[in-house]
Protein backbone atom coordinates (compact mmCIF):
# COMPACT_ATOMS: atom_id res chain seq x y z
CA MET A 1 4.96 -21.04 -29.69
CA PRO A 2 2.43 -23.81 -30.52
CA ASN A 3 4.55 -25.33 -33.35
CA LEU A 4 7.63 -25.41 -31.23
CA LEU A 5 7.19 -28.79 -29.67
CA TRP A 6 6.56 -30.22 -33.03
CA TRP A 7 9.80 -28.62 -34.42
CA TRP A 8 11.65 -29.82 -31.45
CA ILE A 9 10.69 -33.37 -32.34
CA GLU A 10 11.78 -32.66 -35.97
CA PHE A 11 15.11 -31.19 -35.05
CA PRO A 12 18.31 -33.18 -35.15
CA SER A 13 19.44 -34.90 -31.93
CA GLY A 14 22.78 -32.84 -32.00
CA LEU A 15 20.86 -29.55 -32.08
CA ARG A 16 18.54 -30.62 -29.31
CA ASN A 17 21.64 -31.56 -27.35
CA VAL A 18 23.10 -28.13 -27.84
CA THR A 19 19.76 -26.51 -26.89
CA ARG A 20 19.49 -28.47 -23.56
CA LEU A 21 23.13 -27.22 -22.57
CA ARG A 22 22.37 -23.64 -23.40
CA LEU A 23 19.11 -23.79 -21.25
CA LEU A 24 21.06 -25.10 -18.31
CA ALA A 25 23.79 -22.55 -18.65
CA SER A 26 21.36 -19.60 -19.23
CA ILE A 27 19.44 -20.57 -16.04
CA GLY A 28 22.51 -20.31 -13.82
CA ALA A 29 23.76 -17.30 -15.55
CA GLY A 30 20.42 -15.50 -15.42
CA GLY A 31 20.39 -15.49 -11.62
CA VAL A 32 24.06 -14.76 -11.32
CA MET A 33 23.93 -11.84 -13.77
CA PHE A 34 21.03 -10.13 -12.07
CA MET A 35 21.61 -10.76 -8.50
CA THR A 36 25.55 -10.31 -8.05
CA PRO A 37 25.35 -6.49 -7.92
CA LEU A 38 22.53 -6.69 -5.07
CA ILE A 39 24.54 -9.51 -3.28
CA PHE A 40 27.57 -7.54 -2.74
CA HIS A 41 25.79 -4.21 -2.39
CA ALA A 42 24.06 -5.85 0.62
CA ILE A 43 27.47 -6.38 2.32
CA ASN A 44 28.57 -2.72 1.82
CA PHE A 45 30.51 -2.90 -1.34
CA SER A 46 30.67 0.48 -3.12
CA ALA A 47 29.32 0.96 -6.59
CA SER A 48 32.83 1.28 -7.86
CA GLN A 49 33.99 -1.97 -6.11
CA VAL A 50 31.10 -3.91 -7.83
CA GLY A 51 31.60 -2.18 -11.16
CA SER A 52 35.36 -2.92 -11.13
CA GLY A 53 34.85 -6.51 -10.44
CA LEU A 54 32.38 -6.77 -13.31
CA ALA A 55 34.77 -4.97 -15.60
CA LEU A 56 37.53 -7.32 -14.72
CA SER A 57 35.24 -10.24 -15.50
CA ALA A 58 34.47 -8.61 -18.84
CA LEU A 59 38.07 -7.92 -19.64
CA ILE A 60 39.42 -11.44 -18.72
CA GLY A 61 36.47 -12.83 -20.82
CA THR A 62 37.68 -10.72 -23.89
CA LEU A 63 41.07 -12.27 -23.79
CA ILE A 64 39.83 -15.81 -23.34
CA ARG A 65 37.29 -15.59 -26.06
CA LEU A 66 39.98 -14.79 -28.52
CA LEU A 67 42.08 -17.78 -27.15
CA SER A 68 39.08 -20.16 -27.37
CA GLY A 69 38.37 -18.99 -30.97
CA VAL A 70 41.91 -19.51 -31.97
CA LEU A 71 42.00 -23.05 -30.26
CA ILE A 72 38.79 -24.01 -32.03
CA ASP A 73 40.27 -22.96 -35.38
CA GLN A 74 43.26 -25.02 -34.75
CA GLY A 75 41.23 -28.17 -34.21
CA MET A 76 39.96 -28.32 -30.64
CA ARG A 77 36.46 -29.82 -30.62
CA CYS A 78 33.67 -27.54 -29.31
CA SER A 79 33.09 -29.80 -26.31
CA TRP A 80 36.18 -29.21 -24.63
CA PRO A 81 36.07 -25.56 -24.04
CA ILE A 82 32.46 -26.32 -22.58
CA ARG A 83 33.89 -28.76 -20.14
CA VAL A 84 36.53 -26.12 -19.18
CA THR A 85 33.79 -23.68 -18.74
CA THR A 86 31.78 -25.78 -16.38
CA LEU A 87 34.75 -26.39 -14.20
CA LEU A 88 35.63 -22.75 -14.04
CA ALA A 89 32.22 -21.66 -13.27
CA ILE A 90 31.83 -24.10 -10.40
CA ILE A 91 35.02 -22.77 -8.88
CA ALA A 92 33.64 -19.30 -9.35
CA ASP A 93 30.50 -20.10 -7.67
CA MET A 94 32.21 -21.83 -4.64
CA ILE A 95 34.35 -18.71 -4.13
CA LEU A 96 31.38 -16.26 -4.52
CA LEU A 97 29.16 -18.20 -2.35
CA GLN A 98 31.31 -17.40 0.66
CA ALA A 99 33.18 -14.25 -0.43
CA ASN A 100 32.84 -11.40 1.95
CA ASP A 101 35.93 -9.26 1.02
CA TYR A 102 36.94 -7.53 -2.24
CA SER A 103 39.79 -9.77 -3.02
CA HIS A 104 37.59 -12.80 -2.99
CA PHE A 105 34.97 -11.05 -5.05
CA LEU A 106 37.59 -10.16 -7.65
CA LEU A 107 38.86 -13.81 -7.82
CA GLY A 108 35.34 -15.14 -8.31
CA GLN A 109 34.66 -12.67 -11.07
CA LEU A 110 38.00 -13.61 -12.75
CA PHE A 111 37.02 -17.30 -12.91
CA LEU A 112 33.44 -16.28 -14.14
CA GLY A 113 34.79 -14.17 -17.04
CA SER A 114 37.07 -16.97 -17.98
CA ALA A 115 34.25 -19.43 -17.96
CA ALA A 116 32.39 -17.12 -20.27
CA GLY A 117 35.13 -16.61 -22.49
CA PHE A 118 35.70 -20.28 -23.04
CA TYR A 119 31.88 -20.91 -23.44
CA TRP A 120 30.57 -18.55 -26.12
CA PRO A 121 32.72 -19.20 -29.21
CA ALA A 122 32.26 -22.85 -28.76
CA ILE A 123 28.71 -23.11 -28.04
CA GLU A 124 27.63 -20.64 -30.75
CA LEU A 125 29.77 -22.57 -33.47
CA ALA A 126 28.12 -25.87 -32.28
CA VAL A 127 24.75 -24.74 -33.26
CA SER A 128 25.61 -24.56 -37.07
CA LEU A 129 27.56 -27.85 -36.73
CA SER A 130 24.63 -29.64 -35.25
CA CYS A 131 21.97 -28.42 -37.76
CA ASP A 132 22.60 -31.22 -40.44
CA ARG A 133 19.81 -30.54 -43.02
CA VAL A 134 17.98 -28.07 -40.96
CA PRO A 135 18.80 -24.40 -41.77
CA SER A 136 21.09 -22.97 -39.24
CA GLY A 137 18.97 -19.77 -39.04
CA ARG A 138 16.08 -21.78 -37.58
CA GLY A 139 18.66 -23.64 -35.32
CA TYR A 140 19.88 -20.26 -33.94
CA ALA A 141 16.26 -19.21 -33.48
CA LEU A 142 15.73 -22.38 -31.18
CA VAL A 143 18.82 -22.01 -29.07
CA ARG A 144 18.27 -18.19 -28.62
CA SER A 145 14.67 -19.19 -27.33
CA ALA A 146 16.39 -21.44 -24.77
CA ASP A 147 18.59 -18.60 -23.88
CA ALA A 148 15.71 -16.36 -23.35
CA LEU A 149 13.79 -18.87 -21.37
CA GLY A 150 16.72 -19.82 -19.15
CA ILE A 151 17.70 -16.14 -18.38
CA GLY A 152 14.06 -15.43 -17.33
CA CYS A 153 13.91 -18.61 -15.10
CA GLY A 154 17.31 -17.71 -13.49
CA ALA A 155 16.21 -13.97 -12.87
CA LEU A 156 12.92 -15.28 -11.39
CA ILE A 157 14.82 -17.79 -9.18
CA GLY A 158 16.90 -15.01 -7.98
CA THR A 159 13.93 -12.83 -7.31
CA LEU A 160 12.22 -15.29 -5.26
CA ALA A 161 15.50 -16.13 -3.43
CA SER A 162 15.90 -12.55 -2.58
CA THR A 163 12.39 -12.25 -1.01
CA GLN A 164 13.54 -14.75 1.46
CA GLY A 165 16.90 -13.20 2.25
CA LEU A 166 18.73 -16.12 0.36
CA LEU A 167 20.47 -14.06 -2.29
CA ARG A 168 23.46 -16.38 -2.77
CA VAL A 169 21.27 -19.30 -3.55
CA VAL A 170 21.85 -18.22 -7.35
CA TYR A 171 25.65 -19.42 -6.88
CA GLY A 172 24.43 -22.72 -5.76
CA VAL A 173 21.88 -23.00 -8.63
CA GLU A 174 24.51 -22.14 -11.18
CA ALA A 175 26.91 -24.66 -9.70
CA ILE A 176 24.24 -27.46 -10.14
CA CYS A 177 23.47 -26.42 -13.60
CA MET A 178 27.09 -26.27 -14.56
CA GLY A 179 27.68 -29.78 -12.92
CA THR A 180 24.63 -31.17 -15.04
CA THR A 181 26.00 -29.74 -17.97
CA LEU A 182 29.25 -31.46 -17.57
CA LEU A 183 27.61 -34.76 -16.97
CA LEU A 184 25.38 -34.24 -20.11
CA ILE A 185 28.19 -33.19 -22.43
CA SER A 186 30.48 -36.19 -21.19
CA LEU A 187 27.58 -38.65 -22.12
CA HIS A 188 26.62 -36.81 -25.40
CA PRO A 189 29.56 -34.69 -26.66
CA LEU A 190 28.71 -31.84 -29.14
CA GLN A 191 28.63 -32.86 -32.71
CA ASP A 192 31.73 -31.62 -34.44
CA ASP A 193 32.96 -33.28 -37.53
CA ARG A 194 35.07 -30.43 -39.14
CA PRO A 195 38.11 -31.51 -41.30
CA PHE A 196 40.91 -29.31 -40.70
CA SER A 197 43.99 -28.17 -42.91
CA HIS A 198 46.43 -26.22 -40.84
CA PRO A 199 47.53 -23.00 -42.56
CA SER A 200 50.86 -22.89 -40.74
CA GLN A 201 53.05 -22.61 -43.82
CA PRO A 202 51.33 -19.90 -45.51
CA LEU A 203 51.27 -17.81 -42.47
CA LYS A 204 55.03 -18.36 -42.09
CA LYS A 205 55.62 -17.13 -45.66
CA ASN A 206 53.53 -14.02 -45.03
CA ARG A 207 55.54 -13.15 -41.80
CA ARG A 208 58.75 -13.22 -43.78
CA ARG A 209 57.34 -10.68 -46.20
CA GLY A 210 56.57 -8.07 -43.69
CA LEU A 211 53.77 -7.00 -41.28
CA PRO A 212 50.66 -9.09 -41.46
CA LYS A 213 47.86 -7.81 -43.44
CA LEU A 214 44.11 -7.36 -42.50
CA PRO A 215 42.67 -10.95 -43.11
CA THR A 216 40.55 -10.93 -46.22
CA TRP A 217 37.68 -12.61 -44.50
CA LEU A 218 37.41 -9.82 -41.86
CA PRO A 219 35.91 -6.80 -43.92
CA PRO A 220 32.82 -8.50 -44.89
CA LEU A 221 32.07 -8.98 -41.21
CA LEU A 222 32.62 -5.52 -40.09
CA PRO A 223 29.01 -4.32 -40.88
CA VAL A 224 27.60 -7.20 -38.81
CA LEU A 225 30.10 -6.61 -36.00
CA THR A 226 29.38 -2.77 -35.87
CA THR A 227 25.52 -3.60 -35.75
CA SER A 228 26.16 -5.99 -32.98
CA VAL A 229 28.17 -3.47 -30.84
CA ILE A 230 25.30 -0.88 -31.16
CA ALA A 231 22.65 -3.42 -30.68
CA THR A 232 24.49 -4.94 -27.49
CA CYS A 233 25.07 -1.40 -26.24
CA ILE A 234 21.31 -0.76 -26.08
CA LEU A 235 20.82 -4.27 -24.37
CA ALA A 236 23.42 -3.12 -21.72
CA LEU A 237 21.80 0.24 -21.27
CA GLN A 238 18.29 -1.53 -20.65
CA GLN A 239 20.03 -3.18 -17.60
CA SER A 240 22.00 -0.13 -16.43
CA ALA A 241 20.92 3.20 -17.61
CA LEU A 242 17.08 2.60 -18.00
CA PRO A 243 16.35 1.55 -14.38
CA LEU A 244 18.09 4.70 -13.18
CA ASP A 245 16.37 6.77 -15.66
CA LEU A 246 13.13 5.46 -14.49
CA VAL A 247 13.82 5.77 -10.84
CA GLN A 248 15.01 9.34 -11.08
CA GLY A 249 12.31 10.61 -13.43
CA SER A 250 12.87 12.84 -16.36
CA LEU A 251 11.78 16.27 -17.64
CA LEU A 252 8.20 15.70 -17.22
CA ARG A 253 7.99 11.93 -16.65
CA PRO A 254 7.43 11.30 -13.06
CA SER A 255 9.93 8.94 -11.14
CA LEU A 256 9.07 5.30 -10.51
CA SER A 257 9.81 3.32 -7.39
CA GLY A 258 12.48 0.62 -7.63
CA SER A 259 9.94 -2.21 -7.65
CA SER A 260 7.97 -0.63 -10.53
CA SER A 261 11.16 -0.34 -12.45
CA SER A 262 12.24 -3.84 -11.81
CA ALA A 263 8.70 -4.95 -12.87
CA LEU A 264 9.05 -3.22 -16.36
CA ILE A 265 12.43 -5.04 -16.84
CA SER A 266 10.95 -8.25 -15.92
CA LEU A 267 8.13 -7.64 -18.42
CA GLN A 268 10.76 -7.21 -21.15
CA LEU A 269 12.26 -10.54 -20.28
CA LEU A 270 8.78 -12.04 -20.53
CA LEU A 271 8.08 -10.63 -23.85
CA LEU A 272 11.40 -11.79 -25.14
CA VAL A 273 10.56 -15.36 -24.03
CA ILE A 274 7.34 -15.12 -25.79
CA LEU A 275 8.60 -13.53 -29.04
CA GLN A 276 11.96 -15.26 -29.47
CA TRP A 277 10.95 -18.42 -31.20
CA PRO A 278 8.24 -17.15 -33.58
CA VAL A 279 10.21 -14.15 -34.62
CA GLY A 280 13.49 -16.19 -35.03
CA ARG A 281 11.52 -18.84 -37.12
CA TRP A 282 9.81 -16.03 -39.22
CA LEU A 283 13.32 -14.55 -40.00
CA ALA A 284 15.14 -17.89 -40.54
CA SER A 285 13.53 -17.97 -44.14
CA ARG A 286 14.51 -14.39 -45.07
CA SER A 287 17.64 -12.71 -45.91
CA LEU A 288 20.22 -11.72 -43.06
CA ALA A 289 20.17 -8.08 -44.33
CA PHE A 290 16.43 -7.97 -43.78
CA GLY A 291 16.72 -9.49 -40.21
CA LEU A 292 19.39 -7.11 -39.04
CA LYS A 293 17.72 -4.03 -40.57
CA ILE A 294 14.35 -4.75 -38.89
CA SER A 295 16.14 -5.37 -35.73
CA LEU A 296 17.81 -1.92 -36.01
CA VAL A 297 14.50 -0.30 -36.85
CA GLY A 298 12.87 -2.08 -33.79
CA PHE A 299 15.78 -0.68 -31.49
CA SER A 300 15.45 2.71 -33.00
CA LEU A 301 11.67 2.99 -32.39
CA GLY A 302 11.93 1.65 -28.75
CA CYS A 303 14.65 4.18 -27.96
CA MET A 304 12.76 6.96 -29.67
CA LEU A 305 9.78 6.17 -27.52
CA ILE A 306 11.90 6.08 -24.25
CA ALA A 307 13.32 9.59 -25.26
CA LEU A 308 9.81 10.91 -26.02
CA SER A 309 8.66 9.75 -22.60
CA SER A 310 10.87 12.34 -21.06
CA LEU A 311 8.53 15.08 -22.50
CA SER A 312 5.27 13.79 -21.17
CA LYS A 313 3.59 13.37 -17.81
CA PHE A 314 2.27 10.18 -19.08
CA GLY A 315 5.66 9.19 -20.18
CA THR A 316 5.61 5.92 -18.16
CA ALA A 317 2.93 4.50 -20.68
CA LEU A 318 5.48 5.33 -23.54
CA VAL A 319 8.08 3.47 -21.75
CA LEU A 320 5.69 0.45 -21.34
CA ILE A 321 4.87 0.58 -25.19
CA SER A 322 8.59 0.84 -25.95
CA LEU A 323 9.28 -2.58 -24.36
CA PHE A 324 7.47 -4.17 -27.32
CA PRO A 325 9.67 -2.98 -30.09
CA MET A 326 12.58 -3.45 -27.94
CA ALA A 327 11.76 -7.03 -27.12
CA PHE A 328 10.85 -7.70 -30.92
CA ALA A 329 14.19 -6.15 -31.96
CA GLN A 330 16.26 -8.19 -29.35
CA ALA A 331 14.37 -11.38 -30.66
CA ALA A 332 15.29 -10.58 -34.25
CA PHE A 333 18.93 -9.56 -33.57
CA LEU A 334 20.21 -12.33 -31.55
CA PRO A 335 19.64 -15.36 -34.02
CA THR A 336 20.17 -13.34 -37.19
CA ALA A 337 23.49 -11.71 -36.10
CA THR A 338 24.96 -15.10 -35.08
CA GLU A 339 23.82 -16.66 -38.39
CA ALA A 340 25.37 -13.85 -40.28
CA ILE A 341 28.81 -14.33 -38.55
CA ILE A 342 28.56 -17.99 -39.68
CA GLU A 343 27.62 -17.21 -43.30
CA GLU A 344 29.95 -14.43 -43.80
CA SER A 345 33.14 -16.15 -42.43
CA PRO A 346 35.15 -18.88 -44.13
CA ARG A 347 34.81 -22.38 -42.42
CA GLU A 348 38.44 -22.48 -41.26
CA HIS A 349 38.15 -19.19 -39.38
CA ARG A 350 34.64 -19.50 -37.81
CA GLY A 351 35.90 -20.13 -34.40
CA LEU A 352 37.81 -16.78 -34.32
CA ALA A 353 34.93 -14.99 -35.97
CA MET A 354 32.53 -16.22 -33.36
CA ALA A 355 35.01 -15.00 -30.77
CA LEU A 356 35.05 -11.57 -32.36
CA PHE A 357 31.24 -11.58 -32.34
CA SER A 358 31.03 -12.51 -28.68
CA GLN A 359 33.50 -9.69 -28.00
CA CYS A 360 30.84 -7.20 -29.05
CA PHE A 361 28.85 -8.18 -26.00
CA THR A 362 31.86 -7.68 -23.83
CA VAL A 363 32.74 -4.11 -25.38
CA SER A 364 29.19 -3.03 -24.76
CA ALA A 365 29.17 -4.52 -21.12
CA ILE A 366 32.15 -2.18 -20.29
CA ILE A 367 31.45 0.97 -22.47
CA ALA A 368 27.65 1.32 -22.41
CA PRO A 369 26.97 1.47 -18.56
CA LEU A 370 29.87 3.93 -17.98
CA ALA A 371 29.06 6.22 -21.01
CA GLY A 372 25.19 5.95 -20.24
CA GLY A 373 25.69 6.69 -16.56
CA ALA A 374 27.96 9.72 -17.29
CA LEU A 375 25.39 11.11 -19.82
CA LEU A 376 22.59 10.72 -17.25
CA ASP A 377 24.39 12.45 -14.63
CA HIS A 378 25.43 15.32 -16.85
CA GLN A 379 21.90 15.84 -18.23
CA ASN A 380 19.96 14.81 -15.34
CA ASN A 381 17.56 12.79 -17.70
CA GLY A 382 17.90 10.25 -20.58
CA LEU A 383 16.47 12.23 -23.43
CA LEU A 384 19.82 12.92 -25.19
CA LEU A 385 21.07 9.31 -24.50
CA TRP A 386 17.98 7.41 -26.22
CA LEU A 387 17.80 10.04 -29.04
CA LEU A 388 21.45 9.32 -29.90
CA MET A 389 20.98 5.63 -29.83
CA ALA A 390 17.70 5.81 -32.03
CA MET A 391 19.82 7.88 -34.57
CA VAL A 392 22.74 5.57 -34.52
CA CYS A 393 20.49 2.58 -35.29
CA LEU A 394 19.07 4.49 -38.36
CA VAL A 395 22.58 5.56 -39.58
CA LEU A 396 23.72 1.96 -39.62
CA LEU A 397 20.91 0.80 -41.85
CA PRO A 398 22.62 1.50 -45.26
CA THR A 399 25.85 -0.42 -44.10
CA LEU A 400 23.75 -3.67 -44.41
CA HIS A 401 22.46 -3.17 -47.79
CA ASN A 402 25.03 -5.19 -49.62
CA LEU A 403 25.32 -8.00 -46.89
CA HIS A 404 25.09 -11.39 -48.69
CA PRO A 405 25.85 -14.91 -47.30
CA ARG A 406 29.22 -16.12 -48.37
CA LEU A 407 28.13 -19.76 -48.06
CA GLN A 408 24.70 -20.76 -49.72
CA LYS A 409 22.68 -23.53 -48.08
CA SER A 410 23.20 -25.61 -51.36
CA ASP A 411 26.78 -25.70 -50.60
CA PRO A 412 27.54 -29.10 -48.87
CA THR A 413 30.39 -27.39 -47.00
CA ALA A 414 28.33 -24.60 -45.62
CA LEU A 415 27.81 -26.42 -42.33
């Protein structure tokens, strides 16, 4: 972290602009993400009602991500989806700030999902477009550090607000952050000087020949996308299954109170804030395959430690130790996977490629909590769940062996 301020000065102004916007967005999203279930549980919404609202948000986000990616590939500048995001998020916050029935809750989640859908493909692509001569791997390390810091701050604001009985303050905080984002992006639009050649004619010819074929640029992305689904599943399980596993206890591991479980999750966020920049910067000068492999190894080790904690009466200590490889793995995964998507996809399809990458988070947000919860209920402990995730991470390692960047840094069109 000591060199971060120096590197901040050295980074291009466009990249600093993207980082400021991401910090603001993640502060708002951090509080909303962690507090929304508590807010509506407090007014007697059932778990299924809250879950269905979050699932609706994820589903609409899936569709809008693809739309956003296609529009960006067709020539829309990255600033415009972010502007749309700020307006949709503010509308969602105003609805959720006073929602007291299920229909208004669903409507607010619908707007939030749409906002996230427009946001992610554009803001992720904007990083590589703003790096200039700085390696984009280092740029992604910087913005992921801003994400981690912002989410941690947002969660802290939400926690402090909850102690005062003001849970819905998080929606006001997000609305302020989104309004500030809209003002900043209007004054300083995102750097985006891509030239475009529209492939409309070739596409028409291909349609006449028969059914469309799998795009040639997609297969090289599959190992990265598969790894991303598994990694984001583990991140989703940390937010959903792990707290339940800790509270109910396991085979020999004693149960924890809700406050102790929350403290462990908060510690992981703090570790991520501390590790994100140094780990991301360290991996920026190494191969993409190395970064993703070391991330999988870290996730596997963390899951294995949580699984083993079920077999010991001192298992809570093992859970505490597992937070370190988990935080390291997350810090390694986030910037490396994003950089891999940029490197492995052709310039004219990067918007859609980034949309597919962000879908991994959506798929995980829907599948992982449901599958993890069902397995916990069936086994009454998390031993099998965490063992399975540890093994899947190790199985994926060979798939990344031949991962090579399509565009080299010496290529002037790489960015």
